[in-house]
Amino acid sequence: MSQLLLKIGKLSSPVKDYDWLNKNDLFVLIKYGDQVRRTTTKWDDNQPKWNESFIFDKKNDNIELCLYDEDSWSKDEVVKHDTITPSDINTVCCEIEIRMEIVKCVKVEELKQVATTMINLKDVNNELKHKSKYLEDRLNKIKEIMEG
């Protein structure tokens, strides 16, 4: 089964205060078919940054995004709501600019390929550092011989 990585980033613009005494306590609730995920609550922040990622089994359903103001003493309030249709979730990576500007969709298989490439590049980089150190040591020995 194909999977989908959904990244919740940040709000594009601040939202009005829903709390009486301080700023909002915001979180995002994500519903994708029968799968539900929730970000952490960002306390006293009207323009939060979550940078949280969620993996879903890919379905042919809409993704519902609800931005809430969390309240301790009363019901959480819906601040914004948006829907992403299956046609918005296409191939490699789709950055969907919605009113909340918080969504990035990527296929998990492609993330695995990127991670593998990054690991391979890290190994090559480590090998080059090792060879560079070896050549530097050899050069220093040659300089010592030439000076001595």
N, C-alpha and C. Protein backbone atom coordinates (compact mmCIF):
# COMPACT_ATOMS: atom_id res chain seq x y z
N MET A 1 0.85 -1.19 0.00
CA MET A 1 0.00 0.00 0.00
C MET A 1 0.89 1.24 0.00
N SER A 2 0.54 2.18 -0.81
CA SER A 2 1.26 3.44 -0.91
C SER A 2 0.99 4.30 0.33
N GLN A 3 1.99 5.07 0.72
CA GLN A 3 1.83 5.94 1.88
C GLN A 3 2.03 7.39 1.50
N LEU A 4 1.57 8.26 2.37
CA LEU A 4 1.64 9.69 2.16
C LEU A 4 2.23 10.35 3.40
N LEU A 5 3.19 11.22 3.20
CA LEU A 5 3.75 12.00 4.30
C LEU A 5 3.15 13.39 4.22
N LEU A 6 2.55 13.83 5.29
CA LEU A 6 1.93 15.15 5.35
C LEU A 6 2.70 15.97 6.37
N LYS A 7 3.22 17.09 5.95
CA LYS A 7 3.96 17.96 6.86
C LYS A 7 3.14 19.20 7.18
N ILE A 8 2.94 19.44 8.47
CA ILE A 8 2.26 20.64 8.93
C ILE A 8 3.35 21.63 9.29
N GLY A 9 3.42 22.73 8.56
CA GLY A 9 4.49 23.71 8.75
C GLY A 9 4.07 24.85 9.65
N LYS A 10 3.54 25.90 9.05
CA LYS A 10 3.19 27.11 9.80
C LYS A 10 1.96 27.76 9.20
N LEU A 11 1.43 28.72 9.91
CA LEU A 11 0.35 29.53 9.37
C LEU A 11 0.94 30.63 8.50
N SER A 12 0.27 30.98 7.43
CA SER A 12 0.78 32.03 6.55
C SER A 12 0.56 33.42 7.12
N SER A 13 -0.46 33.56 7.96
CA SER A 13 -0.73 34.86 8.57
C SER A 13 -1.36 34.63 9.94
N PRO A 14 -1.19 35.58 10.84
CA PRO A 14 -1.75 35.41 12.18
C PRO A 14 -3.27 35.34 12.15
N VAL A 15 -3.83 34.69 13.15
CA VAL A 15 -5.28 34.64 13.27
C VAL A 15 -5.71 35.54 14.42
N LYS A 16 -6.98 35.94 14.39
CA LYS A 16 -7.47 36.83 15.44
C LYS A 16 -7.52 36.08 16.77
N ASP A 17 -7.53 36.82 17.86
CA ASP A 17 -7.60 36.22 19.19
C ASP A 17 -8.97 35.64 19.46
N TYR A 18 -8.99 34.39 19.89
CA TYR A 18 -10.22 33.75 20.32
C TYR A 18 -10.27 33.67 21.84
N ASP A 19 -9.13 33.85 22.48
CA ASP A 19 -9.06 33.83 23.94
C ASP A 19 -9.24 35.23 24.49
N TRP A 20 -9.78 35.32 25.68
CA TRP A 20 -10.03 36.63 26.29
C TRP A 20 -8.77 37.33 26.73
N LEU A 21 -7.93 36.62 27.46
CA LEU A 21 -6.82 37.28 28.15
C LEU A 21 -5.47 37.17 27.44
N ASN A 22 -5.30 36.17 26.62
CA ASN A 22 -4.00 36.01 25.95
C ASN A 22 -4.20 35.55 24.51
N LYS A 23 -3.10 35.20 23.89
CA LYS A 23 -3.16 34.76 22.50
C LYS A 23 -3.76 33.35 22.42
N ASN A 24 -3.97 32.90 21.19
CA ASN A 24 -4.57 31.59 20.95
C ASN A 24 -3.64 30.45 21.33
N ASP A 25 -4.25 29.30 21.56
CA ASP A 25 -3.56 28.05 21.82
C ASP A 25 -3.95 27.11 20.67
N LEU A 26 -3.17 27.12 19.61
CA LEU A 26 -3.60 26.51 18.35
C LEU A 26 -3.04 25.11 18.12
N PHE A 27 -3.87 24.26 17.50
CA PHE A 27 -3.44 22.96 17.02
C PHE A 27 -4.22 22.64 15.75
N VAL A 28 -3.70 21.68 14.98
CA VAL A 28 -4.35 21.26 13.73
C VAL A 28 -4.80 19.81 13.88
N LEU A 29 -6.04 19.55 13.53
CA LEU A 29 -6.59 18.20 13.49
C LEU A 29 -6.69 17.79 12.02
N ILE A 30 -6.12 16.63 11.69
CA ILE A 30 -6.09 16.16 10.31
C ILE A 30 -6.91 14.88 10.22
N LYS A 31 -7.87 14.85 9.31
CA LYS A 31 -8.68 13.65 9.07
C LYS A 31 -8.49 13.25 7.61
N TYR A 32 -8.07 11.99 7.42
CA TYR A 32 -7.85 11.46 6.08
C TYR A 32 -8.53 10.10 6.03
N GLY A 33 -9.75 10.07 5.53
CA GLY A 33 -10.55 8.85 5.57
C GLY A 33 -10.85 8.54 7.03
N ASP A 34 -10.50 7.32 7.47
CA ASP A 34 -10.72 6.95 8.87
C ASP A 34 -9.48 7.19 9.73
N GLN A 35 -8.47 7.82 9.17
CA GLN A 35 -7.23 8.11 9.90
C GLN A 35 -7.27 9.54 10.44
N VAL A 36 -6.91 9.69 11.70
CA VAL A 36 -6.93 11.00 12.34
C VAL A 36 -5.58 11.25 13.01
N ARG A 37 -5.03 12.44 12.80
CA ARG A 37 -3.79 12.86 13.46
C ARG A 37 -3.99 14.26 14.01
N ARG A 38 -3.13 14.62 14.99
CA ARG A 38 -3.26 15.93 15.64
C ARG A 38 -1.87 16.46 15.95
N THR A 39 -1.66 17.74 15.68
CA THR A 39 -0.39 18.38 16.04
C THR A 39 -0.38 18.68 17.53
N THR A 40 0.77 19.10 18.01
CA THR A 40 0.85 19.60 19.38
C THR A 40 0.17 20.96 19.44
N THR A 41 -0.20 21.37 20.63
CA THR A 41 -0.79 22.69 20.81
C THR A 41 0.33 23.71 20.99
N LYS A 42 0.26 24.79 20.25
CA LYS A 42 1.22 25.90 20.38
C LYS A 42 0.53 26.97 21.22
N TRP A 43 0.98 27.08 22.45
CA TRP A 43 0.33 27.95 23.44
C TRP A 43 0.69 29.41 23.22
N ASP A 44 -0.29 30.28 23.41
CA ASP A 44 -0.10 31.74 23.33
C ASP A 44 0.64 32.17 22.07
N ASP A 45 0.15 31.71 20.92
CA ASP A 45 0.84 31.99 19.66
C ASP A 45 -0.19 32.10 18.54
N ASN A 46 -0.30 33.27 17.94
CA ASN A 46 -1.27 33.47 16.86
C ASN A 46 -0.70 33.19 15.48
N GLN A 47 0.58 32.89 15.40
CA GLN A 47 1.21 32.52 14.13
C GLN A 47 2.22 31.39 14.39
N PRO A 48 1.72 30.23 14.80
CA PRO A 48 2.62 29.14 15.22
C PRO A 48 3.34 28.46 14.06
N LYS A 49 4.44 27.80 14.42
CA LYS A 49 5.19 26.94 13.51
C LYS A 49 5.22 25.56 14.14
N TRP A 50 4.68 24.57 13.43
CA TRP A 50 4.67 23.22 13.97
C TRP A 50 5.84 22.40 13.44
N ASN A 51 6.03 22.39 12.14
CA ASN A 51 7.03 21.53 11.51
C ASN A 51 6.92 20.09 12.00
N GLU A 52 5.70 19.56 11.95
CA GLU A 52 5.43 18.19 12.36
C GLU A 52 4.99 17.39 11.14
N SER A 53 5.42 16.13 11.08
CA SER A 53 5.10 15.28 9.95
C SER A 53 4.28 14.08 10.39
N PHE A 54 3.39 13.64 9.50
CA PHE A 54 2.50 12.53 9.77
C PHE A 54 2.47 11.61 8.57
N ILE A 55 2.47 10.30 8.81
CA ILE A 55 2.39 9.32 7.73
C ILE A 55 0.98 8.72 7.72
N PHE A 56 0.40 8.67 6.53
CA PHE A 56 -0.93 8.10 6.33
C PHE A 56 -0.84 7.00 5.28
N ASP A 57 -1.72 6.00 5.39
CA ASP A 57 -1.93 5.08 4.28
C ASP A 57 -2.70 5.85 3.24
N LYS A 58 -2.19 5.85 1.99
CA LYS A 58 -2.82 6.66 0.95
C LYS A 58 -4.18 6.11 0.58
N LYS A 59 -5.16 6.99 0.57
CA LYS A 59 -6.55 6.64 0.23
C LYS A 59 -7.02 7.56 -0.89
N ASN A 60 -8.22 7.33 -1.34
CA ASN A 60 -8.80 8.21 -2.34
C ASN A 60 -9.85 9.10 -1.68
N ASP A 61 -9.52 9.63 -0.50
CA ASP A 61 -10.43 10.47 0.27
C ASP A 61 -9.88 11.89 0.36
N ASN A 62 -10.75 12.81 0.71
CA ASN A 62 -10.31 14.17 1.00
C ASN A 62 -9.54 14.20 2.31
N ILE A 63 -8.62 15.15 2.41
CA ILE A 63 -7.95 15.41 3.68
C ILE A 63 -8.61 16.65 4.28
N GLU A 64 -9.13 16.50 5.47
CA GLU A 64 -9.77 17.61 6.18
C GLU A 64 -8.78 18.17 7.18
N LEU A 65 -8.57 19.49 7.13
CA LEU A 65 -7.69 20.17 8.07
C LEU A 65 -8.52 21.15 8.87
N CYS A 66 -8.44 21.04 10.18
CA CYS A 66 -9.15 21.98 11.05
C CYS A 66 -8.15 22.60 12.01
N LEU A 67 -8.10 23.91 12.01
CA LEU A 67 -7.28 24.65 12.95
C LEU A 67 -8.15 25.01 14.14
N TYR A 68 -7.72 24.60 15.33
CA TYR A 68 -8.51 24.83 16.54
C TYR A 68 -7.76 25.72 17.52
N ASP A 69 -8.54 26.45 18.32
CA ASP A 69 -8.02 27.13 19.50
C ASP A 69 -8.41 26.26 20.69
N GLU A 70 -7.42 25.72 21.38
CA GLU A 70 -7.69 24.83 22.51
C GLU A 70 -8.05 25.64 23.75
N ASP A 71 -9.09 25.19 24.41
CA ASP A 71 -9.54 25.85 25.63
C ASP A 71 -9.65 24.84 26.76
N SER A 72 -9.16 25.22 27.93
CA SER A 72 -9.21 24.32 29.09
C SER A 72 -10.60 24.25 29.70
N TRP A 73 -11.32 25.36 29.71
CA TRP A 73 -12.57 25.44 30.45
C TRP A 73 -13.81 25.41 29.56
N SER A 74 -13.62 25.37 28.26
CA SER A 74 -14.77 25.31 27.36
C SER A 74 -14.39 24.47 26.14
N LYS A 75 -15.32 24.30 25.24
CA LYS A 75 -15.10 23.51 24.03
C LYS A 75 -14.07 24.20 23.12
N ASP A 76 -13.18 23.40 22.51
CA ASP A 76 -12.21 23.94 21.56
C ASP A 76 -12.96 24.58 20.40
N GLU A 77 -12.44 25.71 19.92
CA GLU A 77 -13.11 26.46 18.86
C GLU A 77 -12.42 26.23 17.52
N VAL A 78 -13.22 26.03 16.47
CA VAL A 78 -12.68 25.92 15.12
C VAL A 78 -12.33 27.33 14.64
N VAL A 79 -11.07 27.52 14.27
CA VAL A 79 -10.60 28.82 13.78
C VAL A 79 -10.65 28.86 12.26
N LYS A 80 -10.17 27.80 11.63
CA LYS A 80 -10.18 27.68 10.17
C LYS A 80 -10.41 26.23 9.80
N HIS A 81 -10.92 26.02 8.61
CA HIS A 81 -11.16 24.67 8.10
C HIS A 81 -10.81 24.66 6.62
N ASP A 82 -10.18 23.58 6.17
CA ASP A 82 -9.87 23.48 4.75
C ASP A 82 -9.90 22.02 4.33
N THR A 83 -10.09 21.79 3.04
CA THR A 83 -10.15 20.45 2.49
C THR A 83 -9.18 20.34 1.33
N ILE A 84 -8.48 19.22 1.29
CA ILE A 84 -7.60 18.90 0.16
C ILE A 84 -8.21 17.70 -0.53
N THR A 85 -8.44 17.81 -1.82
CA THR A 85 -9.05 16.71 -2.57
C THR A 85 -7.97 15.75 -3.06
N PRO A 86 -8.36 14.51 -3.41
CA PRO A 86 -7.38 13.55 -3.91
C PRO A 86 -6.62 14.07 -5.14
N SER A 87 -7.26 14.88 -5.97
CA SER A 87 -6.56 15.40 -7.15
C SER A 87 -5.46 16.39 -6.77
N ASP A 88 -5.54 16.99 -5.57
CA ASP A 88 -4.48 17.87 -5.08
C ASP A 88 -3.26 17.08 -4.63
N ILE A 89 -3.47 15.80 -4.28
CA ILE A 89 -2.39 14.95 -3.79
C ILE A 89 -1.96 14.09 -4.96
N ASN A 90 -1.04 14.63 -5.77
CA ASN A 90 -0.68 13.90 -6.98
C ASN A 90 0.59 13.09 -6.81
N THR A 91 1.58 13.31 -7.59
CA THR A 91 2.70 12.39 -7.67
C THR A 91 3.77 12.64 -6.63
N VAL A 92 4.91 13.09 -7.06
CA VAL A 92 6.10 13.13 -6.22
C VAL A 92 5.92 13.95 -4.96
N CYS A 93 5.70 15.20 -5.13
CA CYS A 93 5.60 16.10 -3.98
C CYS A 93 4.66 17.20 -4.36
N CYS A 94 3.67 17.42 -3.56
CA CYS A 94 2.79 18.53 -3.88
C CYS A 94 2.80 19.50 -2.71
N GLU A 95 3.08 20.72 -3.02
CA GLU A 95 2.97 21.76 -2.02
C GLU A 95 1.68 22.48 -2.31
N ILE A 96 0.77 22.36 -1.40
CA ILE A 96 -0.56 22.91 -1.61
C ILE A 96 -0.68 24.18 -0.79
N GLU A 97 -0.85 25.29 -1.46
CA GLU A 97 -1.03 26.54 -0.74
C GLU A 97 -2.50 26.73 -0.46
N ILE A 98 -2.84 26.57 0.78
CA ILE A 98 -4.22 26.74 1.20
C ILE A 98 -4.26 27.91 2.16
N ARG A 99 -5.42 28.22 2.63
CA ARG A 99 -5.55 29.38 3.52
C ARG A 99 -4.64 29.27 4.73
N MET A 100 -4.39 28.05 5.18
CA MET A 100 -3.53 27.89 6.35
C MET A 100 -2.06 27.76 5.98
N GLU A 101 -1.75 27.53 4.71
CA GLU A 101 -0.39 27.33 4.22
C GLU A 101 0.41 26.40 5.12
N ILE A 102 -0.12 25.20 5.31
CA ILE A 102 0.56 24.30 6.24
C ILE A 102 0.81 22.91 5.68
N VAL A 103 0.57 22.69 4.42
CA VAL A 103 0.62 21.31 3.96
C VAL A 103 1.71 21.07 2.93
N LYS A 104 2.41 19.99 3.10
CA LYS A 104 3.35 19.49 2.12
C LYS A 104 3.14 17.99 2.03
N CYS A 105 2.89 17.45 0.84
CA CYS A 105 2.64 16.02 0.69
C CYS A 105 3.77 15.38 -0.10
N VAL A 106 4.25 14.25 0.39
CA VAL A 106 5.35 13.55 -0.27
C VAL A 106 5.08 12.05 -0.15
N LYS A 107 5.40 11.30 -1.18
CA LYS A 107 5.30 9.85 -1.08
C LYS A 107 6.45 9.34 -0.22
N VAL A 108 6.15 8.45 0.70
CA VAL A 108 7.15 7.93 1.63
C VAL A 108 8.26 7.18 0.89
N GLU A 109 7.91 6.46 -0.18
CA GLU A 109 8.91 5.72 -0.95
C GLU A 109 10.00 6.66 -1.47
N GLU A 110 9.60 7.85 -1.88
CA GLU A 110 10.57 8.79 -2.41
C GLU A 110 11.43 9.37 -1.30
N LEU A 111 10.87 9.51 -0.11
CA LEU A 111 11.68 9.95 1.03
C LEU A 111 12.75 8.92 1.36
N LYS A 112 12.39 7.64 1.25
CA LYS A 112 13.36 6.57 1.51
C LYS A 112 14.51 6.66 0.51
N GLN A 113 14.19 6.94 -0.77
CA GLN A 113 15.23 7.07 -1.78
C GLN A 113 16.14 8.26 -1.47
N VAL A 114 15.55 9.37 -1.06
CA VAL A 114 16.34 10.55 -0.71
C VAL A 114 17.23 10.25 0.49
N ALA A 115 16.68 9.57 1.49
CA ALA A 115 17.46 9.23 2.69
C ALA A 115 18.63 8.32 2.32
N THR A 116 18.39 7.33 1.45
CA THR A 116 19.46 6.44 1.01
C THR A 116 20.54 7.22 0.28
N THR A 117 20.15 8.12 -0.60
CA THR A 117 21.11 8.95 -1.32
C THR A 117 21.92 9.80 -0.36
N MET A 118 21.25 10.37 0.65
CA MET A 118 21.96 11.19 1.63
C MET A 118 22.96 10.37 2.43
N ILE A 119 22.59 9.13 2.79
CA ILE A 119 23.51 8.25 3.52
C ILE A 119 24.71 7.94 2.65
N ASN A 120 24.46 7.62 1.37
CA ASN A 120 25.57 7.32 0.45
C ASN A 120 26.49 8.53 0.30
N LEU A 121 25.92 9.73 0.18
CA LEU A 121 26.74 10.93 0.06
C LEU A 121 27.54 11.18 1.33
N LYS A 122 26.96 10.88 2.47
CA LYS A 122 27.67 11.04 3.74
C LYS A 122 28.86 10.09 3.80
N ASP A 123 28.65 8.84 3.34
CA ASP A 123 29.75 7.86 3.30
C ASP A 123 30.87 8.33 2.39
N VAL A 124 30.51 8.85 1.21
CA VAL A 124 31.51 9.37 0.27
C VAL A 124 32.25 10.55 0.89
N ASN A 125 31.51 11.43 1.56
CA ASN A 125 32.12 12.59 2.21
C ASN A 125 33.12 12.14 3.29
N ASN A 126 32.75 11.15 4.09
CA ASN A 126 33.65 10.64 5.13
C ASN A 126 34.90 10.02 4.52
N GLU A 127 34.73 9.29 3.42
CA GLU A 127 35.87 8.69 2.75
C GLU A 127 36.81 9.76 2.20
N LEU A 128 36.23 10.82 1.61
CA LEU A 128 37.05 11.92 1.09
C LEU A 128 37.81 12.63 2.21
N LYS A 129 37.15 12.82 3.35
CA LYS A 129 37.83 13.44 4.50
C LYS A 129 39.02 12.59 4.94
N HIS A 130 38.80 11.27 5.00
CA HIS A 130 39.86 10.35 5.40
C HIS A 130 41.04 10.42 4.42
N LYS A 131 40.74 10.40 3.11
CA LYS A 131 41.81 10.47 2.10
C LYS A 131 42.51 11.81 2.14
N SER A 132 41.75 12.87 2.38
CA SER A 132 42.34 14.20 2.47
C SER A 132 43.31 14.28 3.64
N LYS A 133 42.93 13.71 4.77
CA LYS A 133 43.79 13.68 5.96
C LYS A 133 45.05 12.89 5.66
N TYR A 134 44.91 11.75 4.98
CA TYR A 134 46.05 10.92 4.61
C TYR A 134 47.01 11.71 3.72
N LEU A 135 46.46 12.38 2.69
CA LEU A 135 47.31 13.16 1.78
C LEU A 135 47.98 14.32 2.50
N GLU A 136 47.27 14.95 3.42
CA GLU A 136 47.85 16.05 4.19
C GLU A 136 49.01 15.54 5.05
N ASP A 137 48.87 14.39 5.67
CA ASP A 137 49.94 13.79 6.47
C ASP A 137 51.15 13.47 5.60
N ARG A 138 50.90 12.90 4.42
CA ARG A 138 52.01 12.57 3.49
C ARG A 138 52.73 13.83 3.05
N LEU A 139 51.98 14.89 2.76
CA LEU A 139 52.57 16.16 2.34
C LEU A 139 53.44 16.74 3.45
N ASN A 140 52.97 16.68 4.68
CA ASN A 140 53.75 17.18 5.82
C ASN A 140 55.04 16.39 5.99
N LYS A 141 54.98 15.07 5.80
CA LYS A 141 56.20 14.23 5.88
C LYS A 141 57.19 14.62 4.80
N ILE A 142 56.68 14.86 3.58
CA ILE A 142 57.56 15.27 2.49
C ILE A 142 58.21 16.61 2.79
N LYS A 143 57.42 17.54 3.37
CA LYS A 143 57.99 18.85 3.74
C LYS A 143 59.07 18.69 4.79
N GLU A 144 58.86 17.80 5.78
CA GLU A 144 59.85 17.56 6.82
C GLU A 144 61.15 17.03 6.21
N ILE A 145 61.03 16.09 5.29
CA ILE A 145 62.20 15.51 4.64
C ILE A 145 62.94 16.59 3.84
N MET A 146 62.19 17.43 3.15
CA MET A 146 62.79 18.46 2.31
C MET A 146 63.50 19.51 3.15
N GLU A 147 62.92 19.83 4.33
CA GLU A 147 63.52 20.86 5.19
C GLU A 147 64.67 20.29 6.01
N GLY A 148 64.66 19.02 6.29
CA GLY A 148 65.60 18.43 7.22
C GLY A 148 66.76 17.86 6.57
